[in-house]
Amino acid sequence: MSQSKSKKRTRVRDTQLSHYLHPRWWGTWLVIGFIWLLAKLPMRVQWRTGVILGELAYRTLGSRKHITRVNIELCFPELSPAEREALVRKSFHSNGIGIMEIGLAWFRNPESLRHLTRVHGLEHVDAGLAEGKGILLLGGHYSTLDLGGSLVTMFIEADVMQRDHNNALMNAVMTRSREQRYGVALNSKDLRGLFRRLKQNRIVWYATDQDYGRKGIVFAPFFNVPAASITATARIAERSGCAVVPFSHFRREGEIGYDIYFHAPLTHFPSGDDLADATRVNQVIENEIRRCPDQYLWMHRRFKTRPSKDDPDLYRRKTT
């Protein structure tokens, strides 16, 4: 048992594609081939297909729709029930497009989309790098996650922290494609690698806006709802002295194209107060979400961990 756990801890990411020729991987290869083919479609066709895919998910994925409804009801109480449901549906459409964009991020040179991309606030990146201690790019889980990250690399040299895919072949393809765009694709738990890159005055993409359980968290408001919020962002900034630069990426409304936003590095951060620092990080991400509320990953149970273990589960379906 302990030997098995040790092997799991030391397992190395295998990105050599020739190691995945066994018939057990043929199904995954078919999926990857399909993603590659979709990436060849014109952008307008991809967006329309993504909306259809999102509508199908909206109509069939009841549990995910329930989670999305709960999140939007909690975060946008000022909206009417009809407005909230319209946002739920549009969120599924946006995430459907996001699935289509995975192929673009993995298999198309971002330079082919430069004419569709606008970047705002690059001077803030320059200011952060001038400090010489690296930049932590404070991102979020927007539906443009994969493609937005790929487009960012046209304007800056950056590394990325990623949660490895459970499917080893899919993870190999994802990691190889990302390392063609980024410098290094670090495992999300590789803090030693993160500090090493920051020490080299590198830019590292980092997202903190999901519920990771009770370890290393405080309950900070997110859309005025107490949310389990990790304190690691402040810890990393304190230990490395890096600049923390908020950024986001969204599709444009009404036209094919993308906007990337960089903001001024956070000042007086960390403050030494974990709750205040986590609240500030959440507020930064919340402000970006409000630009395009439908383009956020509302299907994630953001408020799964409650301040007290006796608090009711916000996602439990009500019985009549």
Protein backbone atom coordinates (compact mmCIF):
# COMPACT_ATOMS: atom_id res chain seq x y z
CA MET A 1 0.00 0.00 0.00
CA SER A 2 2.67 2.51 1.00
CA GLN A 3 4.79 1.42 -1.99
CA SER A 4 1.83 2.06 -4.32
CA LYS A 5 1.31 5.52 -2.86
CA SER A 6 5.00 6.29 -3.27
CA LYS A 7 4.87 5.31 -6.94
CA LYS A 8 1.87 7.52 -7.47
CA ARG A 9 3.64 10.49 -5.90
CA THR A 10 6.73 10.03 -8.06
CA ARG A 11 4.96 9.20 -11.35
CA VAL A 12 6.47 11.24 -14.17
CA ARG A 13 4.35 12.88 -16.87
CA ASP A 14 4.90 10.91 -20.10
CA THR A 15 4.55 13.09 -23.21
CA GLN A 16 6.23 10.74 -25.69
CA LEU A 17 3.42 10.04 -28.17
CA SER A 18 5.06 6.87 -29.48
CA HIS A 19 4.32 5.32 -26.08
CA TYR A 20 0.58 5.42 -26.81
CA LEU A 21 0.29 3.13 -29.84
CA HIS A 22 -1.36 0.23 -27.97
CA PRO A 23 -4.99 -0.49 -29.00
CA ARG A 24 -6.18 0.66 -25.57
CA TRP A 25 -5.40 4.24 -26.71
CA TRP A 26 -7.13 4.05 -30.09
CA GLY A 27 -10.37 5.50 -28.75
CA THR A 28 -8.52 8.50 -27.35
CA TRP A 29 -6.66 8.91 -30.64
CA LEU A 30 -10.03 9.08 -32.44
CA VAL A 31 -11.18 11.85 -30.09
CA ILE A 32 -7.92 13.75 -30.61
CA GLY A 33 -8.25 13.35 -34.38
CA PHE A 34 -11.79 14.71 -34.23
CA ILE A 35 -10.59 17.73 -32.21
CA TRP A 36 -7.85 18.28 -34.82
CA LEU A 37 -10.40 18.23 -37.65
CA LEU A 38 -12.70 20.69 -35.86
CA ALA A 39 -9.76 23.09 -35.50
CA LYS A 40 -9.64 23.35 -39.31
CA LEU A 41 -13.18 24.74 -39.56
CA PRO A 42 -13.71 28.49 -40.14
CA MET A 43 -14.09 30.48 -36.92
CA ARG A 44 -17.71 31.43 -37.57
CA VAL A 45 -18.61 27.78 -38.13
CA GLN A 46 -16.80 26.81 -34.92
CA TRP A 47 -18.68 29.40 -32.89
CA ARG A 48 -22.03 28.30 -34.33
CA THR A 49 -21.20 24.66 -33.70
CA GLY A 50 -20.19 25.53 -30.14
CA VAL A 51 -23.53 27.21 -29.51
CA ILE A 52 -25.32 24.09 -30.79
CA LEU A 53 -23.14 21.92 -28.56
CA GLY A 54 -23.87 24.20 -25.60
CA GLU A 55 -27.61 24.14 -26.28
CA LEU A 56 -27.52 20.34 -26.38
CA ALA A 57 -25.70 20.31 -23.04
CA TYR A 58 -28.21 22.80 -21.61
CA ARG A 59 -31.06 20.48 -22.57
CA THR A 60 -29.47 17.22 -21.41
CA LEU A 61 -26.99 17.83 -18.57
CA GLY A 62 -29.45 18.35 -15.73
CA SER A 63 -26.95 18.20 -12.88
CA ARG A 64 -24.60 20.74 -14.49
CA LYS A 65 -27.51 23.00 -15.29
CA HIS A 66 -28.62 22.81 -11.66
CA ILE A 67 -25.12 23.79 -10.44
CA THR A 68 -25.02 26.68 -12.90
CA ARG A 69 -28.46 27.89 -11.82
CA VAL A 70 -27.50 27.81 -8.15
CA ASN A 71 -24.27 29.73 -8.77
CA ILE A 72 -25.97 32.41 -10.86
CA GLU A 73 -28.84 32.75 -8.39
CA LEU A 74 -26.32 33.26 -5.57
CA CYS A 75 -24.10 35.67 -7.49
CA PHE A 76 -26.72 37.72 -9.34
CA PRO A 77 -29.69 38.05 -6.97
CA GLU A 78 -30.53 41.40 -8.59
CA LEU A 79 -31.55 39.66 -11.81
CA SER A 80 -35.09 38.45 -12.40
CA PRO A 81 -35.68 34.67 -12.66
CA ALA A 82 -36.05 35.04 -16.45
CA GLU A 83 -32.80 37.02 -16.70
CA ARG A 84 -30.95 34.45 -14.61
CA GLU A 85 -32.20 31.57 -16.74
CA ALA A 86 -31.16 33.42 -19.89
CA LEU A 87 -27.67 33.81 -18.36
CA VAL A 88 -27.58 30.10 -17.51
CA ARG A 89 -28.41 29.19 -21.09
CA LYS A 90 -25.93 31.67 -22.55
CA SER A 91 -23.25 30.31 -20.21
CA PHE A 92 -23.76 26.84 -21.69
CA HIS A 93 -23.45 28.33 -25.18
CA SER A 94 -20.21 30.09 -24.23
CA ASN A 95 -18.73 26.96 -22.74
CA GLY A 96 -19.76 25.04 -25.83
CA ILE A 97 -17.73 27.47 -27.91
CA GLY A 98 -14.91 27.02 -25.39
CA ILE A 99 -14.87 23.29 -26.08
CA MET A 100 -14.58 23.99 -29.80
CA GLU A 101 -11.68 26.36 -29.08
CA ILE A 102 -9.62 23.61 -27.46
CA GLY A 103 -8.64 22.40 -30.93
CA LEU A 104 -7.65 25.93 -31.94
CA ALA A 105 -5.47 26.23 -28.84
CA TRP A 106 -3.80 22.86 -29.34
CA PHE A 107 -3.45 22.58 -33.10
CA ARG A 108 -3.45 26.02 -34.70
CA ASN A 109 -0.70 28.59 -34.62
CA PRO A 110 -2.05 31.55 -32.63
CA GLU A 111 -0.50 33.86 -35.22
CA SER A 112 -3.31 32.85 -37.57
CA LEU A 113 -5.69 34.59 -35.13
CA ARG A 114 -3.62 37.71 -34.49
CA HIS A 115 -5.88 39.81 -36.71
CA LEU A 116 -8.83 38.81 -34.48
CA THR A 117 -7.07 39.61 -31.20
CA ARG A 118 -6.73 42.89 -29.30
CA VAL A 119 -4.53 43.25 -26.24
CA HIS A 120 -4.98 45.93 -23.57
CA GLY A 121 -2.54 46.99 -20.85
CA LEU A 122 0.73 45.41 -21.95
CA GLU A 123 2.53 48.24 -20.19
CA HIS A 124 1.52 46.65 -16.88
CA VAL A 125 3.42 43.49 -17.80
CA ASP A 126 6.48 45.59 -18.64
CA ALA A 127 6.19 47.34 -15.28
CA GLY A 128 6.00 44.03 -13.44
CA LEU A 129 9.00 42.56 -15.25
CA ALA A 130 11.03 45.68 -14.53
CA GLU A 131 10.97 44.71 -10.85
CA GLY A 132 13.03 41.64 -11.75
CA LYS A 133 11.23 39.12 -9.55
CA GLY A 134 8.80 37.59 -12.01
CA ILE A 135 5.07 37.95 -12.54
CA LEU A 136 2.21 35.83 -11.28
CA LEU A 137 -0.56 36.30 -13.87
CA LEU A 138 -3.76 36.23 -11.83
CA GLY A 139 -6.24 34.54 -14.16
CA GLY A 140 -9.63 32.87 -13.87
CA HIS A 141 -11.55 29.94 -15.32
CA TYR A 142 -13.22 31.69 -18.23
CA SER A 143 -14.67 29.69 -21.10
CA THR A 144 -11.84 31.02 -23.31
CA LEU A 145 -9.34 29.34 -20.97
CA ASP A 146 -7.37 27.28 -23.50
CA LEU A 147 -7.51 29.58 -26.51
CA GLY A 148 -7.10 32.75 -24.46
CA GLY A 149 -3.91 31.35 -22.97
CA SER A 150 -2.59 30.46 -26.42
CA LEU A 151 -3.37 33.94 -27.75
CA VAL A 152 -1.61 35.56 -24.79
CA THR A 153 1.68 33.98 -25.87
CA MET A 154 1.71 36.12 -29.01
CA PHE A 155 2.36 39.14 -26.82
CA ILE A 156 4.35 37.85 -23.85
CA GLU A 157 6.65 34.96 -22.98
CA ALA A 158 4.97 32.98 -20.22
CA ASP A 159 4.78 29.67 -18.42
CA VAL A 160 1.58 28.00 -17.24
CA MET A 161 0.44 25.94 -14.29
CA GLN A 162 -2.00 23.21 -15.29
CA ARG A 163 -4.00 20.45 -13.69
CA ASP A 164 -2.91 17.35 -15.58
CA HIS A 165 -5.61 15.45 -17.47
CA ASN A 166 -6.64 12.10 -16.02
CA ASN A 167 -6.20 10.48 -19.45
CA ALA A 168 -2.44 10.10 -19.94
CA LEU A 169 -2.57 10.39 -23.75
CA MET A 170 -4.86 13.41 -23.68
CA ASN A 171 -2.52 14.95 -21.11
CA ALA A 172 0.49 14.25 -23.33
CA VAL A 173 -1.11 16.00 -26.32
CA MET A 174 -2.30 18.91 -24.17
CA THR A 175 1.08 19.37 -22.49
CA ARG A 176 3.06 19.14 -25.75
CA SER A 177 0.81 21.68 -27.44
CA ARG A 178 1.02 24.06 -24.49
CA GLU A 179 4.78 23.81 -24.32
CA GLN A 180 4.92 24.87 -27.98
CA ARG A 181 3.20 28.09 -26.92
CA TYR A 182 4.39 28.58 -23.35
CA GLY A 183 7.87 28.08 -22.00
CA VAL A 184 7.00 25.37 -19.44
CA ALA A 185 3.71 23.70 -18.50
CA LEU A 186 4.09 23.12 -14.76
CA ASN A 187 1.94 20.71 -12.83
CA SER A 188 -0.45 22.65 -10.58
CA LYS A 189 1.23 21.16 -7.49
CA ASP A 190 4.78 21.97 -8.60
CA LEU A 191 5.37 24.97 -6.35
CA ARG A 192 9.12 24.41 -6.41
CA GLY A 193 9.06 24.75 -10.19
CA LEU A 194 6.89 27.85 -9.89
CA PHE A 195 9.34 29.58 -7.56
CA ARG A 196 12.22 28.58 -9.79
CA ARG A 197 10.57 30.22 -12.81
CA LEU A 198 9.69 33.38 -10.87
CA LYS A 199 13.30 33.63 -9.68
CA GLN A 200 14.28 33.69 -13.37
CA ASN A 201 11.96 36.71 -13.81
CA ARG A 202 9.46 34.65 -15.77
CA ILE A 203 5.72 35.20 -16.15
CA VAL A 204 3.58 32.33 -14.82
CA TRP A 205 -0.16 31.96 -15.48
CA TYR A 206 -1.97 31.05 -12.26
CA ALA A 207 -5.69 30.65 -11.41
CA THR A 208 -7.09 30.49 -7.88
CA ASP A 209 -10.84 30.75 -8.40
CA GLN A 210 -12.06 27.22 -7.72
CA ASP A 211 -13.05 25.30 -4.60
CA TYR A 212 -10.11 23.10 -3.58
CA GLY A 213 -11.48 21.98 -0.21
CA ARG A 214 -10.56 23.07 3.31
CA LYS A 215 -6.77 22.96 3.17
CA GLY A 216 -4.95 26.32 3.13
CA ILE A 217 -8.06 28.47 2.76
CA VAL A 218 -10.05 31.28 4.28
CA PHE A 219 -13.70 32.04 3.59
CA ALA A 220 -13.65 35.27 1.62
CA PRO A 221 -16.60 36.88 -0.17
CA PHE A 222 -17.04 36.08 -3.85
CA PHE A 223 -20.05 37.93 -5.24
CA ASN A 224 -20.90 38.52 -1.55
CA VAL A 225 -21.08 34.78 -0.85
CA PRO A 226 -18.50 33.22 1.53
CA ALA A 227 -16.28 31.07 -0.68
CA ALA A 228 -13.39 28.75 0.17
CA SER A 229 -10.47 30.82 -1.12
CA ILE A 230 -6.87 29.65 -1.13
CA THR A 231 -4.22 31.76 0.56
CA ALA A 232 -1.45 30.50 -1.75
CA THR A 233 -1.48 33.60 -3.95
CA ALA A 234 -0.38 35.80 -1.07
CA ARG A 235 2.12 33.19 0.12
CA ILE A 236 3.74 32.97 -3.32
CA ALA A 237 3.93 36.76 -3.63
CA GLU A 238 5.38 37.09 -0.12
CA ARG A 239 8.05 34.45 -0.61
CA SER A 240 9.10 35.40 -4.15
CA GLY A 241 8.50 39.15 -4.18
CA CYS A 242 6.85 38.74 -7.58
CA ALA A 243 4.38 41.16 -9.09
CA VAL A 244 0.78 39.95 -9.21
CA VAL A 245 -0.82 41.10 -12.47
CA PRO A 246 -4.55 40.43 -13.00
CA PHE A 247 -5.53 39.45 -16.52
CA SER A 248 -8.50 38.07 -18.43
CA HIS A 249 -9.58 37.10 -21.94
CA PHE A 250 -13.00 37.18 -23.56
CA ARG A 251 -14.78 36.70 -26.86
CA ARG A 252 -16.28 39.81 -28.35
CA GLU A 253 -20.02 40.25 -28.52
CA GLY A 254 -21.45 40.56 -32.01
CA GLU A 255 -18.24 39.87 -33.93
CA ILE A 256 -15.61 37.18 -34.23
CA GLY A 257 -12.64 38.19 -32.12
CA TYR A 258 -10.97 38.22 -28.71
CA ASP A 259 -9.83 40.79 -26.16
CA ILE A 260 -7.02 40.23 -23.66
CA TYR A 261 -6.78 42.52 -20.63
CA PHE A 262 -3.76 43.10 -18.35
CA HIS A 263 -4.15 45.29 -15.28
CA ALA A 264 -1.74 47.13 -13.01
CA PRO A 265 0.15 44.92 -10.54
CA LEU A 266 -1.53 44.70 -7.14
CA THR A 267 -0.01 47.21 -4.73
CA HIS A 268 0.62 46.55 -1.02
CA PHE A 269 0.08 42.84 -1.67
CA PRO A 270 0.29 40.74 0.34
CA SER A 271 -0.88 42.76 3.29
CA GLY A 272 -0.22 40.12 5.94
CA ASP A 273 -3.95 39.59 6.45
CA ASP A 274 -5.01 36.34 4.75
CA LEU A 275 -8.70 37.23 4.67
CA ALA A 276 -8.09 40.70 3.27
CA ASP A 277 -5.72 39.34 0.62
CA ALA A 278 -8.10 36.56 -0.47
CA THR A 279 -10.97 39.04 -0.56
CA ARG A 280 -8.93 41.30 -2.80
CA VAL A 281 -8.07 38.45 -5.19
CA ASN A 282 -11.72 37.41 -5.35
CA GLN A 283 -12.77 40.99 -6.06
CA VAL A 284 -10.30 41.25 -8.93
CA ILE A 285 -11.70 38.09 -10.53
CA GLU A 286 -15.28 39.14 -9.86
CA ASN A 287 -14.69 42.46 -11.62
CA GLU A 288 -13.41 40.61 -14.68
CA ILE A 289 -16.32 38.17 -14.68
CA ARG A 290 -18.77 41.08 -14.74
CA ARG A 291 -17.36 42.14 -18.13
CA CYS A 292 -18.86 39.00 -19.71
CA PRO A 293 -20.76 37.01 -17.07
CA ASP A 294 -21.75 34.23 -19.45
CA GLN A 295 -18.10 33.45 -20.24
CA TYR A 296 -17.27 32.13 -16.79
CA LEU A 297 -17.21 28.46 -15.75
CA TRP A 298 -20.38 28.53 -13.66
CA MET A 299 -20.71 24.73 -13.94
CA HIS A 300 -18.10 24.35 -11.20
CA ARG A 301 -19.41 24.02 -7.61
CA ARG A 302 -17.65 27.17 -6.43
CA PHE A 303 -19.43 27.18 -3.06
CA LYS A 304 -19.19 23.45 -2.34
CA THR A 305 -17.08 23.90 0.82
CA ARG A 306 -19.11 25.72 3.47
CA PRO A 307 -17.83 27.79 6.40
CA SER A 308 -19.21 25.21 8.81
CA LYS A 309 -19.47 21.50 8.10
CA ASP A 310 -23.00 21.74 9.50
CA ASP A 311 -24.05 24.32 6.88
CA PRO A 312 -26.49 22.96 4.31
CA ASP A 313 -25.22 21.92 0.88
CA LEU A 314 -26.12 24.79 -1.46
CA TYR A 315 -26.27 22.40 -4.41
CA ARG A 316 -28.61 19.84 -2.90
CA ARG A 317 -31.77 19.63 -4.95
CA LYS A 318 -34.90 20.65 -3.10
CA THR A 319 -37.48 17.91 -2.74
CA THR A 320 -41.17 18.64 -2.95
